[in-house]
Amino acid sequence: MDKDGDLVARLLAGQEQALKEFVRGYEARLLRFVLKKVKQEDGQELVQDTLIAALDSLPLFSGKSSLFSWLAG
């Protein structure tokens, strides 16, 4: 299993450490991505909303793209 798939599996299993890795690994990267399109204040809220929505939608992640591409898409 690849790195993204492993992280998703651990998130789906409810592992607290995986949640920390998910937020730490994607929060700053997503913020840099969205700040190209929106203001700082809006970007921070957008990233937070995206991470929360992604956690709810993790069963839909098929692994056909990277986790970041899926989040940013």
C-alpha atoms as a PDB file:
ATOM      1  CA  MET A   1       0.000   0.000   0.000  1.00  0.00           C
ATOM      2  CA  ASP A   2       1.303   3.473  -0.809  1.00  0.00           C
ATOM      3  CA  LYS A   3       1.806   6.272   1.721  1.00  0.00           C
ATOM      4  CA  ASP A   4      -1.526   7.973   0.983  1.00  0.00           C
ATOM      5  CA  GLY A   5      -3.416   4.693   1.074  1.00  0.00           C
ATOM      6  CA  ASP A   6      -1.808   3.785   4.384  1.00  0.00           C
ATOM      7  CA  LEU A   7      -2.739   7.153   5.892  1.00  0.00           C
ATOM      8  CA  VAL A   8      -6.323   6.874   4.656  1.00  0.00           C
ATOM      9  CA  ALA A   9      -6.619   3.348   6.067  1.00  0.00           C
ATOM     10  CA  ARG A  10      -5.341   4.504   9.446  1.00  0.00           C
ATOM     11  CA  LEU A  11      -7.705   7.504   9.407  1.00  0.00           C
ATOM     12  CA  LEU A  12     -10.650   5.250   8.606  1.00  0.00           C
ATOM     13  CA  ALA A  13      -9.589   3.011  11.491  1.00  0.00           C
ATOM     14  CA  GLY A  14      -9.815   6.024  13.802  1.00  0.00           C
ATOM     15  CA  GLN A  15      -6.148   6.262  14.717  1.00  0.00           C
ATOM     16  CA  GLU A  16      -5.503   9.559  16.504  1.00  0.00           C
ATOM     17  CA  GLN A  17      -1.891   9.723  15.323  1.00  0.00           C
ATOM     18  CA  ALA A  18      -3.075   9.448  11.719  1.00  0.00           C
ATOM     19  CA  LEU A  19      -5.364  12.452  12.235  1.00  0.00           C
ATOM     20  CA  LYS A  20      -2.427  14.479  13.527  1.00  0.00           C
ATOM     21  CA  GLU A  21      -0.315  13.415  10.529  1.00  0.00           C
ATOM     22  CA  PHE A  22      -3.142  14.287   8.139  1.00  0.00           C
ATOM     23  CA  VAL A  23      -3.603  17.805   9.486  1.00  0.00           C
ATOM     24  CA  ARG A  24       0.128  18.448   9.899  1.00  0.00           C
ATOM     25  CA  GLY A  25       0.924  17.066   6.471  1.00  0.00           C
ATOM     26  CA  TYR A  26      -1.751  18.825   4.451  1.00  0.00           C
ATOM     27  CA  GLU A  27      -2.826  22.000   6.252  1.00  0.00           C
ATOM     28  CA  ALA A  28       0.121  24.218   5.233  1.00  0.00           C
ATOM     29  CA  ARG A  29       0.305  22.786   1.723  1.00  0.00           C
ATOM     30  CA  LEU A  30      -3.401  23.369   1.120  1.00  0.00           C
ATOM     31  CA  LEU A  31      -3.126  26.883   2.526  1.00  0.00           C
ATOM     32  CA  ARG A  32      -0.340  27.739   0.084  1.00  0.00           C
ATOM     33  CA  PHE A  33      -2.512  26.365  -2.714  1.00  0.00           C
ATOM     34  CA  VAL A  34      -5.668  28.317  -1.809  1.00  0.00           C
ATOM     35  CA  LEU A  35      -3.845  31.581  -1.080  1.00  0.00           C
ATOM     36  CA  LYS A  36      -3.147  31.829  -4.792  1.00  0.00           C
ATOM     37  CA  LYS A  37      -6.908  32.335  -5.202  1.00  0.00           C
ATOM     38  CA  VAL A  38      -8.271  33.959  -1.998  1.00  0.00           C
ATOM     39  CA  LYS A  39      -7.340  36.277   0.890  1.00  0.00           C
ATOM     40  CA  GLN A  40      -5.436  34.930   3.925  1.00  0.00           C
ATOM     41  CA  GLU A  41      -8.473  35.009   6.231  1.00  0.00           C
ATOM     42  CA  ASP A  42     -10.654  33.222   3.709  1.00  0.00           C
ATOM     43  CA  GLY A  43      -7.892  30.752   2.923  1.00  0.00           C
ATOM     44  CA  GLN A  44      -7.488  29.600   6.489  1.00  0.00           C
ATOM     45  CA  GLU A  45     -11.210  28.998   6.856  1.00  0.00           C
ATOM     46  CA  LEU A  46     -11.373  27.253   3.486  1.00  0.00           C
ATOM     47  CA  VAL A  47      -8.531  24.889   4.419  1.00  0.00           C
ATOM     48  CA  GLN A  48     -10.152  24.047   7.752  1.00  0.00           C
ATOM     49  CA  ASP A  49     -13.482  23.346   6.041  1.00  0.00           C
ATOM     50  CA  THR A  50     -11.732  21.263   3.378  1.00  0.00           C
ATOM     51  CA  LEU A  51      -9.930  19.075   5.913  1.00  0.00           C
ATOM     52  CA  ILE A  52     -13.132  18.477   7.863  1.00  0.00           C
ATOM     53  CA  ALA A  53     -15.099  17.637   4.716  1.00  0.00           C
ATOM     54  CA  ALA A  54     -12.294  15.361   3.526  1.00  0.00           C
ATOM     55  CA  LEU A  55     -12.410  13.353   6.730  1.00  0.00           C
ATOM     56  CA  ASP A  56     -16.135  12.795   6.217  1.00  0.00           C
ATOM     57  CA  SER A  57     -15.541  11.778   2.587  1.00  0.00           C
ATOM     58  CA  LEU A  58     -12.496   9.525   3.060  1.00  0.00           C
ATOM     59  CA  PRO A  59     -14.367   6.356   2.080  1.00  0.00           C
ATOM     60  CA  LEU A  60     -14.700   7.924  -1.385  1.00  0.00           C
ATOM     61  CA  PHE A  61     -10.922   8.239  -1.835  1.00  0.00           C
ATOM     62  CA  SER A  62     -10.036   5.643  -4.438  1.00  0.00           C
ATOM     63  CA  GLY A  63      -6.285   6.131  -4.523  1.00  0.00           C
ATOM     64  CA  LYS A  64      -6.289   6.854  -8.264  1.00  0.00           C
ATOM     65  CA  SER A  65      -4.657  10.215  -7.527  1.00  0.00           C
ATOM     66  CA  SER A  66      -2.553  11.529  -4.699  1.00  0.00           C
ATOM     67  CA  LEU A  67      -4.367  12.493  -1.524  1.00  0.00           C
ATOM     68  CA  PHE A  68      -3.349  16.124  -2.063  1.00  0.00           C
ATOM     69  CA  SER A  69      -4.802  16.132  -5.597  1.00  0.00           C
ATOM     70  CA  TRP A  70      -8.006  14.693  -4.224  1.00  0.00           C
ATOM     71  CA  LEU A  71      -8.135  17.354  -1.496  1.00  0.00           C
ATOM     72  CA  ALA A  72      -7.359  20.215  -3.866  1.00  0.00           C
ATOM     73  CA  GLY A  73      -9.735  18.981  -6.569  1.00  0.00           C
END
